[in-house]
Amino acid sequence: MRERAEDQVEGSSHLARDSVIVGLATVLSRILGFVRDVLIARALGAGPIADAFLVAFRLPNMFRRVLGEGGLNAPFVPVYLGLKANEGEAEARRFAGEALGNFAGILLIIVGLSELIAPWLVLALAGGFRDAPVTYALAQSYTRLALPFVGFTVMASLVAAILNANKRFAVAALAPVVLNLVLISALVWSEWQAQSPFRTAKTLAWSVSLAGALHLLLVFWALGWKAPGIPRLRFGWSPAMKRLLLLGLPALLASATSQFVLLVATQIASVQPGAVSWLYYADRVFQLPLGFVAVAMGVVLLPEIAAREAEGDSDGRRRTVSAALALGLLLAIPAATALAVLAEPIVAVLFERGKFGPVDRERTAAALFAFAIGLPGAVVAKVLSQVYFARQNPGKPLMVGLVSIAMAIGAGLLLSGSQPAAGAALAASLAFWTQSLALAALLWRDGLWRPDASLLRTVAIGVASAAIMAAAVMTLGMDLHDDLVGKVADWRAFALLIGLCTAGLAVYAASAWAFGLRSRFWARTTQGTAPS
């Protein structure tokens, strides 16, 4: 018993540590993504060329996000760890090689077919382009140039799943940075060459595929660096491979739910010129805090829960889930509050320059405010879905995901009105909350998890502290509004925005400390037990 308790302490401590590592790597990628999007906004603005490129980029970016958040971890890790525990390292390695070989062949066919049906893919992403022939033609061209990225990133994510199953998170988490570095370099080069927006968008489209190839090379290098090493590629259909495919499609679709919700939002927004771009830029800001928390939960939490399931440790599983929820919500609640309160200053400082003007700022800020409402719900859904993935039962998360997509469609049609971007973002937020509440209800019904009093007290403290933070930031923000909004942002505006966010974070931390959060937080994240 004492050994099990020590293992629980060590495992939960690793959860916090590994979550921070993956979260920081994700933040680095998101920060570089901001730099990339600031340059895209400056070069392309929010017109037809920008809409065409951003729709073409939506599909590769969707795959990158789904897979980067652990989409292939869900089916692969439990099967791999089960083989490793029951049949040994050699059999697990053989399975990994078989998965790599089969996926390579399947992806070659899928990408080739996708190149042929690119016009229909564009309409599936943005049906409103049917009435804008120039934008539609450009989007087809850019989509064909960017599509090879999908094959590269799926293979890279499978290699990353092997690394994650062996609890080697760092390189797999850092590798997605390559995409942003390549696109930033392409934008700088295009500006130096004084390329037209049309030529710049074309350069960006083929650079997306180049970045995917470099990403794949990087994770293969990491896998070969030390044990378990690169497995020999195989082509066959062992029982484990069939199990992976049986779990893989529903698990991947369930993991992709949030991205399908965003695709629905893009489809709804595409009826108004510029709305796709407003929604995209708002989503980019929204993804920074979501990525820090949700990606860490999707990548790190699954192996922890899978290990508890393999040991038959149901109490440990419940404590691990509650610890992850406490950590995730303590980060998501203040982040959502800050995005809502500072939506317009954030958009102004990050994007308002070049071809991105005041109207673009206002519409993007409205969409960002709407996205902020759904941030905690998206984090809760990411955490709770890992329980079913660890139990090799992706059907329930998939069912809940389909319900949330239906919510996004229905709410989007009702809310789009005169501001499709903001209405689509609000519909997405409602879908995230639908997904999180439905998963919580299913876990409660199945006896797999339920919130305890300590978790509820911790969340209440987070909400109260965020309310105090919001009051402080709004008071300070009124005095700084003219320095942040309505003029071309410079280094002083960046410094003021960072200072305002830092002050808000300090107020939140001080308030939480005063409410007694420190003891509950450390009990959960370092011991994995519910405090008495």
Protein backbone atom coordinates (compact mmCIF):
# COMPACT_ATOMS: atom_id res chain seq x y z
CA MET A 1 0.00 0.00 0.00
CA ARG A 2 2.80 2.36 0.89
CA GLU A 3 4.51 1.66 -2.46
CA ARG A 4 1.26 2.42 -4.33
CA ALA A 5 0.84 5.71 -2.46
CA GLU A 6 4.42 6.67 -3.32
CA ASP A 7 3.77 5.78 -6.97
CA GLN A 8 0.68 8.02 -6.94
CA VAL A 9 2.64 10.94 -5.54
CA GLU A 10 5.39 10.46 -8.10
CA GLY A 11 2.95 10.02 -10.99
CA SER A 12 0.95 13.13 -10.16
CA SER A 13 4.13 15.11 -9.68
CA HIS A 14 5.22 13.99 -13.13
CA LEU A 15 1.80 15.06 -14.47
CA ALA A 16 2.35 18.63 -13.28
CA ARG A 17 5.97 18.70 -14.46
CA ASP A 18 5.32 17.17 -17.89
CA SER A 19 2.23 19.35 -18.36
CA VAL A 20 4.37 22.43 -17.78
CA ILE A 21 6.99 21.21 -20.28
CA VAL A 22 4.40 20.53 -22.99
CA GLY A 23 2.49 23.69 -22.11
CA LEU A 24 5.57 25.91 -22.40
CA ALA A 25 6.51 24.33 -25.72
CA THR A 26 2.97 24.98 -26.93
CA VAL A 27 3.12 28.59 -25.74
CA LEU A 28 6.37 29.07 -27.68
CA SER A 29 4.66 27.73 -30.79
CA ARG A 30 1.62 29.95 -30.21
CA ILE A 31 3.79 33.05 -29.66
CA LEU A 32 5.59 32.39 -32.93
CA GLY A 33 2.15 31.82 -34.43
CA PHE A 34 1.19 35.29 -33.28
CA VAL A 35 4.27 36.72 -34.98
CA ARG A 36 3.32 34.78 -38.10
CA ASP A 37 -0.26 36.06 -38.04
CA VAL A 38 0.77 39.65 -37.37
CA LEU A 39 2.93 39.42 -40.50
CA ILE A 40 0.12 37.75 -42.47
CA ALA A 41 -2.32 40.48 -41.40
CA ARG A 42 0.20 43.11 -42.43
CA ALA A 43 0.90 41.48 -45.81
CA LEU A 44 -2.58 40.24 -46.76
CA GLY A 45 -5.02 42.20 -44.59
CA ALA A 46 -8.57 40.81 -44.48
CA GLY A 47 -9.55 40.82 -48.17
CA PRO A 48 -10.15 38.13 -50.81
CA ILE A 49 -6.53 36.95 -50.99
CA ALA A 50 -6.34 36.62 -47.20
CA ASP A 51 -9.67 34.77 -47.12
CA ALA A 52 -8.46 32.38 -49.84
CA PHE A 53 -5.16 31.59 -48.14
CA LEU A 54 -6.67 31.25 -44.66
CA VAL A 55 -9.29 28.79 -45.91
CA ALA A 56 -6.56 26.80 -47.71
CA PHE A 57 -4.55 26.87 -44.47
CA ARG A 58 -7.56 25.81 -42.38
CA LEU A 59 -7.41 22.13 -43.36
CA PRO A 60 -3.66 21.63 -42.73
CA ASN A 61 -3.93 23.69 -39.56
CA MET A 62 -6.88 21.61 -38.38
CA PHE A 63 -4.87 18.40 -38.77
CA ARG A 64 -1.91 20.01 -37.01
CA ARG A 65 -4.05 21.10 -34.07
CA VAL A 66 -5.94 17.82 -33.71
CA LEU A 67 -2.82 15.71 -33.95
CA GLY A 68 -0.75 18.14 -31.87
CA GLU A 69 -3.35 17.90 -29.09
CA GLY A 70 -2.93 14.13 -28.93
CA GLY A 71 -5.33 12.95 -31.62
CA LEU A 72 -3.21 9.89 -32.44
CA ASN A 73 -2.20 9.41 -28.82
CA ALA A 74 -5.77 8.36 -28.02
CA PRO A 75 -5.80 5.18 -30.16
CA PHE A 76 -2.06 4.45 -30.25
CA VAL A 77 -0.81 4.87 -26.67
CA PRO A 78 -3.19 2.43 -24.89
CA VAL A 79 -2.55 -0.32 -27.50
CA TYR A 80 1.23 0.26 -27.47
CA LEU A 81 1.46 0.29 -23.65
CA GLY A 82 -0.77 -2.79 -23.43
CA LEU A 83 1.55 -4.72 -25.76
CA LYS A 84 4.60 -3.48 -23.91
CA ALA A 85 3.20 -4.56 -20.53
CA ASN A 86 1.80 -7.93 -21.64
CA GLU A 87 4.05 -9.10 -24.49
CA GLY A 88 7.27 -7.14 -24.08
CA GLU A 89 9.24 -4.32 -25.69
CA ALA A 90 9.97 -6.22 -28.92
CA GLU A 91 6.29 -6.75 -29.73
CA ALA A 92 5.46 -3.11 -28.99
CA ARG A 93 8.31 -2.04 -31.28
CA ARG A 94 7.07 -4.37 -34.03
CA PHE A 95 3.60 -2.84 -33.72
CA ALA A 96 5.06 0.68 -33.99
CA GLY A 97 6.88 -0.23 -37.21
CA GLU A 98 3.74 -1.77 -38.63
CA ALA A 99 1.75 1.36 -37.82
CA LEU A 100 4.34 3.60 -39.49
CA GLY A 101 4.48 1.48 -42.66
CA ASN A 102 0.74 1.14 -43.10
CA PHE A 103 0.03 4.79 -42.35
CA ALA A 104 2.62 5.90 -44.93
CA GLY A 105 0.90 3.92 -47.68
CA ILE A 106 -2.61 5.01 -46.72
CA LEU A 107 -1.63 8.69 -46.49
CA LEU A 108 0.02 8.67 -49.90
CA ILE A 109 -3.31 7.61 -51.43
CA ILE A 110 -5.39 10.05 -49.36
CA VAL A 111 -3.24 13.10 -50.15
CA GLY A 112 -3.23 12.21 -53.86
CA LEU A 113 -7.02 11.95 -53.95
CA SER A 114 -7.37 15.18 -51.97
CA GLU A 115 -5.36 17.03 -54.61
CA LEU A 116 -7.92 15.91 -57.18
CA ILE A 117 -10.96 17.00 -55.16
CA ALA A 118 -9.49 20.30 -53.92
CA PRO A 119 -12.40 22.40 -55.35
CA TRP A 120 -14.93 20.41 -53.29
CA LEU A 121 -12.73 20.62 -50.20
CA VAL A 122 -12.71 24.41 -50.49
CA LEU A 123 -16.51 24.52 -50.71
CA ALA A 124 -16.76 22.17 -47.72
CA LEU A 125 -14.69 24.68 -45.72
CA ALA A 126 -16.22 27.90 -47.08
CA GLY A 127 -19.37 27.41 -49.14
CA GLY A 128 -19.79 31.16 -49.47
CA PHE A 129 -16.84 31.19 -51.89
CA ARG A 130 -19.12 29.72 -54.58
CA ASP A 131 -20.38 33.28 -55.17
CA ALA A 132 -16.86 34.78 -55.19
CA PRO A 133 -15.14 33.15 -58.22
CA VAL A 134 -11.76 34.90 -57.81
CA THR A 135 -11.47 33.98 -54.14
CA TYR A 136 -12.65 30.44 -54.92
CA ALA A 137 -10.01 29.96 -57.65
CA LEU A 138 -7.23 31.28 -55.42
CA ALA A 139 -8.32 29.05 -52.54
CA GLN A 140 -8.16 25.96 -54.79
CA SER A 141 -4.63 26.80 -55.91
CA TYR A 142 -3.37 27.47 -52.38
CA THR A 143 -5.08 24.34 -51.05
CA ARG A 144 -3.30 22.10 -53.57
CA LEU A 145 0.07 23.58 -52.63
CA ALA A 146 -0.52 23.11 -48.89
CA LEU A 147 -2.14 19.63 -48.92
CA PRO A 148 1.10 17.56 -48.71
CA PHE A 149 1.49 18.99 -45.20
CA VAL A 150 -1.40 16.77 -44.09
CA GLY A 151 0.49 13.58 -44.93
CA PHE A 152 3.69 14.81 -43.33
CA THR A 153 2.01 15.95 -40.13
CA VAL A 154 0.01 12.72 -39.65
CA MET A 155 3.22 10.70 -39.92
CA ALA A 156 5.01 13.12 -37.59
CA SER A 157 2.19 12.80 -35.07
CA LEU A 158 2.40 9.00 -35.16
CA VAL A 159 6.13 9.23 -34.42
CA ALA A 160 5.33 11.71 -31.64
CA ALA A 161 2.82 9.22 -30.18
CA ILE A 162 5.63 6.66 -29.92
CA LEU A 163 7.74 9.25 -28.11
CA ASN A 164 4.85 10.20 -25.80
CA ALA A 165 4.10 6.56 -24.97
CA ASN A 166 7.69 6.36 -23.73
CA LYS A 167 7.18 9.64 -21.79
CA ARG A 168 9.58 11.58 -24.00
CA PHE A 169 7.51 14.73 -24.46
CA ALA A 170 9.96 17.57 -25.08
CA VAL A 171 10.98 17.21 -28.76
CA ALA A 172 7.50 16.07 -29.82
CA ALA A 173 6.06 19.17 -28.16
CA LEU A 174 8.66 21.52 -29.66
CA ALA A 175 8.56 20.11 -33.21
CA PRO A 176 5.37 22.02 -34.29
CA VAL A 177 7.39 25.23 -33.86
CA VAL A 178 8.96 24.40 -37.23
CA LEU A 179 5.79 25.42 -39.12
CA ASN A 180 5.77 28.90 -37.64
CA LEU A 181 9.50 29.40 -38.14
CA VAL A 182 9.23 28.44 -41.81
CA LEU A 183 6.19 30.67 -42.45
CA ILE A 184 7.75 33.63 -40.65
CA SER A 185 10.87 33.20 -42.79
CA ALA A 186 8.71 33.06 -45.93
CA LEU A 187 6.89 36.26 -44.94
CA VAL A 188 10.12 38.12 -44.19
CA TRP A 189 11.58 36.98 -47.50
CA SER A 190 8.42 38.02 -49.38
CA GLU A 191 8.52 41.48 -47.84
CA TRP A 192 12.21 41.83 -48.64
CA GLN A 193 11.43 40.89 -52.24
CA ALA A 194 8.48 43.34 -52.26
CA GLN A 195 6.15 40.60 -53.47
CA SER A 196 2.51 41.34 -54.18
CA PRO A 197 -0.12 39.91 -51.80
CA PHE A 198 -0.93 37.28 -54.45
CA ARG A 199 2.68 36.10 -54.68
CA THR A 200 3.08 36.23 -50.90
CA ALA A 201 0.06 33.97 -50.36
CA LYS A 202 1.39 31.50 -52.94
CA THR A 203 4.80 31.46 -51.23
CA LEU A 204 3.11 30.80 -47.89
CA ALA A 205 1.05 27.93 -49.33
CA TRP A 206 4.02 25.89 -50.57
CA SER A 207 6.01 26.81 -47.43
CA VAL A 208 3.33 25.02 -45.38
CA SER A 209 4.22 21.72 -47.08
CA LEU A 210 7.94 22.36 -46.66
CA ALA A 211 7.41 22.90 -42.93
CA GLY A 212 5.56 19.57 -42.68
CA ALA A 213 8.49 17.70 -44.21
CA LEU A 214 10.95 19.35 -41.79
CA HIS A 215 8.67 18.53 -38.83
CA LEU A 216 8.64 14.86 -39.81
CA LEU A 217 12.44 14.75 -40.08
CA LEU A 218 12.83 16.33 -36.65
CA VAL A 219 10.66 13.82 -34.77
CA PHE A 220 12.26 10.89 -36.60
CA TRP A 221 15.63 12.22 -35.43
CA ALA A 222 14.34 12.39 -31.85
CA LEU A 223 13.02 8.82 -32.05
CA GLY A 224 16.35 7.50 -33.30
CA TRP A 225 18.36 9.47 -30.76
CA LYS A 226 17.88 6.93 -27.96
CA ALA A 227 15.64 4.03 -26.95
CA PRO A 228 13.28 2.78 -28.24
CA GLY A 229 14.84 3.92 -31.53
CA ILE A 230 13.31 3.98 -35.01
CA PRO A 231 11.43 0.72 -35.64
CA ARG A 232 11.75 -1.10 -38.95
CA LEU A 233 8.82 -0.21 -41.20
CA ARG A 234 6.46 -3.11 -41.80
CA PHE A 235 3.34 -3.70 -43.88
CA GLY A 236 0.85 -6.08 -42.31
CA TRP A 237 -2.38 -6.38 -40.37
CA SER A 238 -1.66 -7.91 -36.99
CA PRO A 239 -4.42 -8.02 -34.36
CA ALA A 240 -2.84 -4.98 -32.68
CA MET A 241 -2.86 -3.07 -35.99
CA LYS A 242 -6.49 -3.95 -36.54
CA ARG A 243 -7.23 -2.78 -33.00
CA LEU A 244 -5.47 0.52 -33.72
CA LEU A 245 -7.57 1.10 -36.83
CA LEU A 246 -10.75 0.07 -35.03
CA LEU A 247 -10.04 2.59 -32.27
CA GLY A 248 -8.27 5.09 -34.49
CA LEU A 249 -11.07 6.52 -36.61
CA PRO A 250 -13.58 7.17 -33.78
CA ALA A 251 -10.77 8.40 -31.47
CA LEU A 252 -9.41 10.75 -34.12
CA LEU A 253 -12.87 12.05 -34.95
CA ALA A 254 -13.64 12.54 -31.26
CA SER A 255 -10.34 14.36 -30.72
CA ALA A 256 -11.10 16.52 -33.74
CA THR A 257 -14.46 17.70 -32.41
CA SER A 258 -13.24 21.15 -31.41
CA GLN A 259 -11.68 21.62 -34.83
CA PHE A 260 -14.88 20.51 -36.58
CA VAL A 261 -16.72 23.07 -34.45
CA LEU A 262 -14.30 25.72 -35.74
CA LEU A 263 -14.83 24.50 -39.31
CA VAL A 264 -18.56 24.96 -38.81
CA ALA A 265 -17.83 28.47 -37.53
CA THR A 266 -15.71 29.18 -40.62
CA GLN A 267 -18.49 27.94 -42.88
CA ILE A 268 -21.01 30.22 -41.17
CA ALA A 269 -18.66 33.22 -41.28
CA SER A 270 -17.81 32.76 -44.97
CA VAL A 271 -21.07 34.42 -46.07
CA GLN A 272 -19.62 37.87 -45.32
CA PRO A 273 -16.44 39.18 -47.01
CA GLY A 274 -13.63 39.49 -44.46
CA ALA A 275 -15.46 37.49 -41.77
CA VAL A 276 -13.29 34.39 -42.30
CA SER A 277 -10.22 36.50 -41.58
CA TRP A 278 -11.79 38.14 -38.48
CA LEU A 279 -12.73 34.74 -37.12
CA TYR A 280 -9.28 33.35 -37.89
CA TYR A 281 -7.39 36.12 -36.10
CA ALA A 282 -9.68 35.87 -33.06
CA ASP A 283 -9.20 32.11 -33.00
CA ARG A 284 -5.43 32.55 -33.06
CA VAL A 285 -5.56 34.60 -29.86
CA PHE A 286 -8.02 32.14 -28.31
CA GLN A 287 -5.70 29.23 -29.11
CA LEU A 288 -2.83 30.60 -26.99
CA PRO A 289 -4.31 29.83 -23.55
CA LEU A 290 -6.27 26.88 -24.91
CA GLY A 291 -3.11 25.38 -26.34
CA PHE A 292 -1.14 25.79 -23.12
CA VAL A 293 -3.75 23.88 -21.12
CA ALA A 294 -5.57 21.61 -23.56
CA VAL A 295 -2.53 20.37 -25.47
CA ALA A 296 -0.76 19.53 -22.21
CA MET A 297 -3.85 17.68 -21.00
CA GLY A 298 -4.26 15.76 -24.26
CA VAL A 299 -0.60 14.73 -24.50
CA VAL A 300 0.45 14.17 -20.87
CA LEU A 301 -2.76 13.13 -19.12
CA LEU A 302 -3.61 10.15 -21.35
CA PRO A 303 -0.52 8.03 -20.47
CA GLU A 304 -1.11 8.80 -16.76
CA ILE A 305 -4.74 7.64 -16.86
CA ALA A 306 -3.88 4.65 -19.07
CA ALA A 307 -1.29 3.56 -16.50
CA ARG A 308 -3.93 3.77 -13.71
CA GLU A 309 -6.32 1.70 -15.83
CA ALA A 310 -3.66 -0.95 -16.47
CA GLU A 311 -3.10 -1.21 -12.69
CA GLY A 312 -6.84 -1.34 -11.94
CA ASP A 313 -6.41 1.78 -9.79
CA SER A 314 -9.83 3.46 -10.11
CA ASP A 315 -9.23 5.76 -7.13
CA GLY A 316 -5.95 6.92 -8.65
CA ARG A 317 -7.72 7.59 -11.94
CA ARG A 318 -10.33 9.77 -10.23
CA ARG A 319 -7.69 11.72 -8.31
CA THR A 320 -5.62 12.22 -11.46
CA VAL A 321 -8.63 13.57 -13.37
CA SER A 322 -9.58 15.93 -10.53
CA ALA A 323 -6.00 17.16 -10.22
CA ALA A 324 -5.87 17.85 -13.97
CA LEU A 325 -9.21 19.69 -13.87
CA ALA A 326 -8.09 21.82 -10.94
CA LEU A 327 -4.86 22.75 -12.69
CA GLY A 328 -6.55 23.35 -16.04
CA LEU A 329 -9.37 25.52 -14.71
CA LEU A 330 -7.09 27.59 -12.49
CA LEU A 331 -5.33 28.58 -15.71
CA ALA A 332 -8.34 28.73 -18.05
CA ILE A 333 -10.66 30.87 -15.89
CA PRO A 334 -8.33 33.92 -15.57
CA ALA A 335 -7.23 33.52 -19.20
CA ALA A 336 -10.85 33.61 -20.40
CA THR A 337 -11.54 36.62 -18.21
CA ALA A 338 -8.53 38.50 -19.59
CA LEU A 339 -9.49 37.73 -23.21
CA ALA A 340 -13.01 39.02 -22.62
CA VAL A 341 -12.01 42.19 -20.77
CA LEU A 342 -9.07 43.08 -23.03
CA ALA A 343 -10.39 41.80 -26.37
CA GLU A 344 -10.13 45.09 -28.25
CA PRO A 345 -6.73 46.21 -26.87
CA ILE A 346 -5.27 42.76 -27.59
CA VAL A 347 -6.48 42.79 -31.19
CA ALA A 348 -5.40 46.40 -31.71
CA VAL A 349 -1.86 45.84 -30.43
CA LEU A 350 -1.33 42.51 -32.18
CA PHE A 351 -2.91 43.10 -35.57
CA GLU A 352 -3.90 46.71 -36.32
CA ARG A 353 -1.33 47.81 -38.84
CA GLY A 354 -0.84 47.75 -42.61
CA LYS A 355 -3.98 46.47 -44.35
CA PHE A 356 -5.67 45.55 -41.04
CA GLY A 357 -7.82 48.57 -40.10
CA PRO A 358 -10.27 49.78 -37.40
CA VAL A 359 -13.27 47.84 -38.76
CA ASP A 360 -11.18 44.67 -38.79
CA ARG A 361 -10.16 45.38 -35.19
CA GLU A 362 -13.74 45.81 -33.97
CA ARG A 363 -15.09 42.70 -35.69
CA THR A 364 -12.13 40.55 -34.61
CA ALA A 365 -12.45 41.77 -30.99
CA ALA A 366 -16.16 40.88 -30.95
CA ALA A 367 -15.31 37.35 -32.11
CA LEU A 368 -12.54 37.06 -29.51
CA PHE A 369 -14.94 38.07 -26.72
CA ALA A 370 -17.33 35.35 -27.87
CA PHE A 371 -14.56 32.74 -28.00
CA ALA A 372 -13.45 33.64 -24.44
CA ILE A 373 -16.80 32.45 -23.08
CA GLY A 374 -16.07 28.90 -24.21
CA LEU A 375 -12.44 28.57 -23.08
CA PRO A 376 -13.08 26.83 -19.70
CA GLY A 377 -15.59 24.49 -21.35
CA ALA A 378 -13.05 23.47 -24.01
CA VAL A 379 -10.46 22.69 -21.31
CA VAL A 380 -12.92 20.59 -19.25
CA ALA A 381 -13.95 18.62 -22.35
CA LYS A 382 -10.32 17.89 -23.22
CA VAL A 383 -9.59 16.55 -19.72
CA LEU A 384 -12.72 14.43 -19.32
CA SER A 385 -12.50 12.81 -22.74
CA GLN A 386 -9.11 11.29 -21.82
CA VAL A 387 -10.82 8.88 -19.40
CA TYR A 388 -12.72 7.17 -22.21
CA PHE A 389 -9.70 7.20 -24.52
CA ALA A 390 -7.60 5.50 -21.82
CA ARG A 391 -10.30 2.84 -21.48
CA GLN A 392 -10.20 2.30 -25.28
CA ASN A 393 -13.81 3.48 -25.57
CA PRO A 394 -13.78 6.46 -27.96
CA GLY A 395 -17.40 5.95 -28.95
CA LYS A 396 -18.82 8.04 -26.12
CA PRO A 397 -16.58 11.08 -26.71
CA LEU A 398 -17.43 10.80 -30.41
CA MET A 399 -21.17 10.72 -29.68
CA VAL A 400 -20.85 13.78 -27.43
CA GLY A 401 -18.72 15.48 -30.07
CA LEU A 402 -21.41 15.00 -32.71
CA VAL A 403 -23.95 16.56 -30.36
CA SER A 404 -21.65 19.57 -29.84
CA ILE A 405 -21.21 19.97 -33.61
CA ALA A 406 -24.98 19.96 -34.02
CA MET A 407 -25.15 22.64 -31.32
CA ALA A 408 -22.58 24.72 -33.23
CA ILE A 409 -24.57 24.45 -36.46
CA GLY A 410 -27.92 25.32 -34.87
CA ALA A 411 -26.61 28.13 -32.69
CA GLY A 412 -24.50 29.51 -35.53
CA LEU A 413 -27.47 29.79 -37.87
CA LEU A 414 -29.44 31.60 -35.16
CA LEU A 415 -26.65 33.91 -33.94
CA SER A 416 -24.80 34.90 -37.12
CA GLY A 417 -27.02 37.87 -38.01
CA SER A 418 -25.19 41.05 -39.03
CA GLN A 419 -21.90 39.86 -37.49
CA PRO A 420 -21.28 36.31 -38.72
CA ALA A 421 -17.78 36.12 -37.21
CA ALA A 422 -18.91 36.97 -33.66
CA GLY A 423 -22.03 34.82 -33.97
CA ALA A 424 -20.02 31.85 -35.22
CA ALA A 425 -17.53 32.25 -32.35
CA LEU A 426 -20.34 32.37 -29.78
CA ALA A 427 -21.87 29.24 -31.32
CA ALA A 428 -18.49 27.51 -30.95
CA SER A 429 -18.35 28.48 -27.27
CA LEU A 430 -21.82 27.04 -26.66
CA ALA A 431 -20.70 23.84 -28.38
CA PHE A 432 -17.62 23.56 -26.10
CA TRP A 433 -19.78 23.92 -22.98
CA THR A 434 -22.27 21.36 -24.34
CA GLN A 435 -19.45 18.89 -24.86
CA SER A 436 -17.93 19.38 -21.39
CA LEU A 437 -21.23 19.09 -19.51
CA ALA A 438 -22.31 16.01 -21.48
CA LEU A 439 -18.99 14.25 -20.79
CA ALA A 440 -19.24 15.07 -17.07
CA ALA A 441 -22.76 13.62 -16.97
CA LEU A 442 -21.65 10.41 -18.74
CA LEU A 443 -18.66 9.90 -16.43
CA TRP A 444 -20.89 10.42 -13.40
CA ARG A 445 -23.46 7.95 -14.73
CA ASP A 446 -20.79 5.35 -15.53
CA GLY A 447 -19.22 5.72 -12.06
CA LEU A 448 -15.84 6.71 -13.52
CA TRP A 449 -15.53 10.20 -12.02
CA ARG A 450 -17.50 12.85 -10.21
CA PRO A 451 -16.46 16.26 -8.82
CA ASP A 452 -15.61 16.26 -5.13
CA ALA A 453 -16.14 19.12 -2.69
CA SER A 454 -12.47 20.10 -2.76
CA LEU A 455 -12.47 20.51 -6.55
CA LEU A 456 -15.61 22.65 -6.41
CA ARG A 457 -14.07 24.86 -3.69
CA THR A 458 -10.91 25.25 -5.78
CA VAL A 459 -12.91 26.28 -8.84
CA ALA A 460 -15.00 28.72 -6.77
CA ILE A 461 -11.81 30.36 -5.55
CA GLY A 462 -10.59 30.63 -9.14
CA VAL A 463 -13.85 32.28 -10.25
CA ALA A 464 -13.86 34.76 -7.34
CA SER A 465 -10.20 35.65 -7.92
CA ALA A 466 -10.84 36.14 -11.65
CA ALA A 467 -13.73 38.51 -10.86
CA ILE A 468 -11.43 40.63 -8.70
CA MET A 469 -8.81 40.54 -11.46
CA ALA A 470 -11.39 41.68 -14.03
CA ALA A 471 -12.38 44.68 -11.91
CA ALA A 472 -8.74 45.69 -11.50
CA VAL A 473 -7.89 45.26 -15.20
CA MET A 474 -10.98 47.20 -16.34
CA THR A 475 -10.11 50.06 -14.00
CA LEU A 476 -6.52 50.21 -15.27
CA GLY A 477 -7.61 49.63 -18.87
CA MET A 478 -9.86 52.69 -18.96
CA ASP A 479 -6.89 54.95 -18.28
CA LEU A 480 -4.76 53.21 -20.91
CA HIS A 481 -7.44 52.75 -23.58
CA ASP A 482 -6.30 55.62 -25.81
CA ASP A 483 -2.71 54.38 -25.70
CA LEU A 484 -3.71 50.88 -26.78
CA VAL A 485 -6.61 51.30 -29.22
CA GLY A 486 -7.10 53.42 -32.29
CA LYS A 487 -3.51 54.05 -33.32
CA VAL A 488 -0.69 52.14 -34.94
CA ALA A 489 0.79 49.91 -32.26
CA ASP A 490 4.46 50.38 -31.37
CA TRP A 491 6.79 48.96 -28.74
CA ARG A 492 5.19 51.20 -26.07
CA ALA A 493 1.74 49.73 -26.75
CA PHE A 494 3.15 46.20 -26.50
CA ALA A 495 4.83 47.07 -23.22
CA LEU A 496 1.64 48.59 -21.82
CA LEU A 497 -0.42 45.55 -22.80
CA ILE A 498 2.09 43.16 -21.28
CA GLY A 499 2.19 45.29 -18.13
CA LEU A 500 -1.60 45.31 -17.90
CA CYS A 501 -1.75 41.51 -18.28
CA THR A 502 1.02 41.05 -15.73
CA ALA A 503 -0.79 43.29 -13.24
CA GLY A 504 -3.98 41.28 -13.76
CA LEU A 505 -2.11 38.02 -13.19
CA ALA A 506 -0.59 39.41 -9.98
CA VAL A 507 -4.03 40.44 -8.71
CA TYR A 508 -5.43 36.99 -9.55
CA ALA A 509 -2.56 35.18 -7.79
CA ALA A 510 -2.77 37.41 -4.72
CA SER A 511 -6.54 36.98 -4.49
CA ALA A 512 -6.29 33.20 -4.84
CA TRP A 513 -3.58 33.09 -2.17
CA ALA A 514 -5.71 35.20 0.17
CA PHE A 515 -8.64 32.80 -0.34
CA GLY A 516 -6.40 29.91 0.74
CA LEU A 517 -5.90 28.30 -2.66
CA ARG A 518 -2.23 27.44 -2.08
CA SER A 519 -2.82 24.40 0.15
CA ARG A 520 -5.50 22.83 -2.08
CA PHE A 521 -3.55 23.47 -5.28
CA TRP A 522 -0.33 21.87 -4.07
CA ALA A 523 -2.20 18.97 -2.53
CA ARG A 524 -3.75 18.17 -5.88
CA THR A 525 -0.80 18.72 -8.20
CA THR A 526 1.98 17.19 -6.13
CA GLN A 527 0.14 14.48 -4.25
CA GLY A 528 -2.81 13.67 -6.50
CA THR A 529 -5.14 13.32 -3.51
CA ALA A 530 -8.16 15.28 -2.47
CA PRO A 531 -7.36 17.41 0.56
CA SER A 532 -9.43 16.87 3.60
